Amino acid sequence: HNPLRGRLTRNLIYSTKPVYDTNKVKSGALEATALINVKYD
């Protein structure tokens, strides 16, 4: 489990998506973080 990696992933996703897509971004970030956490745990 690497919280920093997840945080960087979320920041990257947030910074590359339009503001109106925030809900999708949050879902995508959670999914990406979950996948990363499982893969690198």
N, C-alpha and C. Protein backbone atom coordinates (compact mmCIF):
# COMPACT_ATOMS: atom_id res chain seq x y z
N HIS A 1 0.86 -1.20 0.00
CA HIS A 1 0.00 0.00 0.00
C HIS A 1 0.89 1.24 0.00
N ASN A 2 0.66 2.11 -0.97
CA ASN A 2 1.49 3.31 -1.09
C ASN A 2 0.59 4.53 -1.23
N PRO A 3 0.26 5.19 -0.10
CA PRO A 3 -0.64 6.36 -0.12
C PRO A 3 -0.12 7.46 -1.02
N LEU A 4 1.19 7.65 -1.06
CA LEU A 4 1.75 8.72 -1.87
C LEU A 4 1.46 8.48 -3.34
N ARG A 5 1.63 7.24 -3.78
CA ARG A 5 1.36 6.91 -5.17
C ARG A 5 -0.10 7.22 -5.51
N GLY A 6 -1.02 6.81 -4.62
CA GLY A 6 -2.42 7.08 -4.84
C GLY A 6 -2.71 8.57 -4.91
N ARG A 7 -2.06 9.33 -4.04
CA ARG A 7 -2.26 10.78 -4.01
C ARG A 7 -1.76 11.41 -5.31
N LEU A 8 -0.62 10.97 -5.78
CA LEU A 8 -0.07 11.50 -7.03
C LEU A 8 -0.99 11.16 -8.19
N THR A 9 -1.53 9.95 -8.17
CA THR A 9 -2.45 9.53 -9.23
C THR A 9 -3.68 10.42 -9.25
N ARG A 10 -4.24 10.67 -8.06
CA ARG A 10 -5.43 11.52 -7.99
C ARG A 10 -5.11 12.93 -8.48
N ASN A 11 -3.97 13.46 -8.06
CA ASN A 11 -3.60 14.81 -8.48
C ASN A 11 -3.45 14.87 -9.99
N LEU A 12 -2.85 13.84 -10.57
CA LEU A 12 -2.66 13.80 -12.01
C LEU A 12 -4.01 13.76 -12.73
N ILE A 13 -4.91 12.91 -12.23
CA ILE A 13 -6.23 12.79 -12.85
C ILE A 13 -6.99 14.10 -12.72
N TYR A 14 -6.98 14.69 -11.52
CA TYR A 14 -7.69 15.96 -11.32
C TYR A 14 -7.16 17.03 -12.25
N SER A 15 -5.84 17.10 -12.41
CA SER A 15 -5.23 18.19 -13.17
C SER A 15 -5.45 18.04 -14.66
N THR A 16 -5.86 16.84 -15.12
CA THR A 16 -6.01 16.62 -16.55
C THR A 16 -7.47 16.52 -16.98
N LYS A 17 -8.40 16.71 -16.04
CA LYS A 17 -9.82 16.63 -16.37
C LYS A 17 -10.50 17.98 -16.15
N PRO A 18 -11.50 18.29 -16.99
CA PRO A 18 -12.27 19.51 -16.79
C PRO A 18 -13.05 19.48 -15.48
N VAL A 19 -13.32 20.65 -14.94
CA VAL A 19 -13.96 20.76 -13.63
C VAL A 19 -15.34 20.13 -13.63
N TYR A 20 -16.08 20.26 -14.74
CA TYR A 20 -17.45 19.75 -14.75
C TYR A 20 -17.49 18.23 -14.66
N ASP A 21 -16.34 17.59 -14.84
CA ASP A 21 -16.28 16.13 -14.82
C ASP A 21 -15.82 15.61 -13.46
N THR A 22 -15.97 16.44 -12.43
CA THR A 22 -15.43 16.12 -11.12
C THR A 22 -15.91 14.78 -10.58
N ASN A 23 -17.21 14.49 -10.73
CA ASN A 23 -17.73 13.24 -10.19
C ASN A 23 -17.10 12.04 -10.86
N LYS A 24 -16.96 12.11 -12.18
CA LYS A 24 -16.33 11.01 -12.91
C LYS A 24 -14.87 10.89 -12.49
N VAL A 25 -14.23 12.03 -12.29
CA VAL A 25 -12.83 12.04 -11.88
C VAL A 25 -12.67 11.36 -10.54
N LYS A 26 -13.56 11.68 -9.60
CA LYS A 26 -13.49 11.06 -8.28
C LYS A 26 -13.63 9.54 -8.39
N SER A 27 -14.60 9.09 -9.18
CA SER A 27 -14.80 7.65 -9.35
C SER A 27 -13.57 7.02 -9.98
N GLY A 28 -13.06 7.65 -11.03
CA GLY A 28 -11.88 7.13 -11.71
C GLY A 28 -10.67 7.10 -10.79
N ALA A 29 -10.53 8.14 -9.97
CA ALA A 29 -9.39 8.22 -9.06
C ALA A 29 -9.48 7.10 -8.02
N LEU A 30 -10.68 6.87 -7.50
CA LEU A 30 -10.86 5.81 -6.51
C LEU A 30 -10.55 4.45 -7.11
N GLU A 31 -11.03 4.24 -8.35
CA GLU A 31 -10.78 2.96 -9.01
C GLU A 31 -9.29 2.78 -9.27
N ALA A 32 -8.65 3.83 -9.78
CA ALA A 32 -7.23 3.76 -10.09
C ALA A 32 -6.42 3.51 -8.82
N THR A 33 -6.78 4.22 -7.75
CA THR A 33 -6.07 4.06 -6.48
C THR A 33 -6.26 2.64 -5.96
N ALA A 34 -7.47 2.12 -6.06
CA ALA A 34 -7.73 0.76 -5.59
C ALA A 34 -6.91 -0.25 -6.38
N LEU A 35 -6.86 -0.08 -7.70
CA LEU A 35 -6.08 -0.99 -8.53
C LEU A 35 -4.60 -0.91 -8.18
N ILE A 36 -4.11 0.31 -8.00
CA ILE A 36 -2.70 0.51 -7.65
C ILE A 36 -2.40 -0.12 -6.29
N ASN A 37 -3.30 0.10 -5.34
CA ASN A 37 -3.08 -0.44 -3.99
C ASN A 37 -3.04 -1.97 -4.02
N VAL A 38 -3.91 -2.57 -4.81
CA VAL A 38 -3.93 -4.03 -4.90
C VAL A 38 -2.66 -4.52 -5.59
N LYS A 39 -2.28 -3.83 -6.66
CA LYS A 39 -1.13 -4.27 -7.46
C LYS A 39 0.17 -4.15 -6.69
N TYR A 40 0.29 -3.09 -5.89
CA TYR A 40 1.56 -2.81 -5.23
C TYR A 40 1.55 -3.13 -3.74
N ASP A 41 0.45 -3.69 -3.28
CA ASP A 41 0.34 -3.96 -1.85
C ASP A 41 1.38 -5.00 -1.41
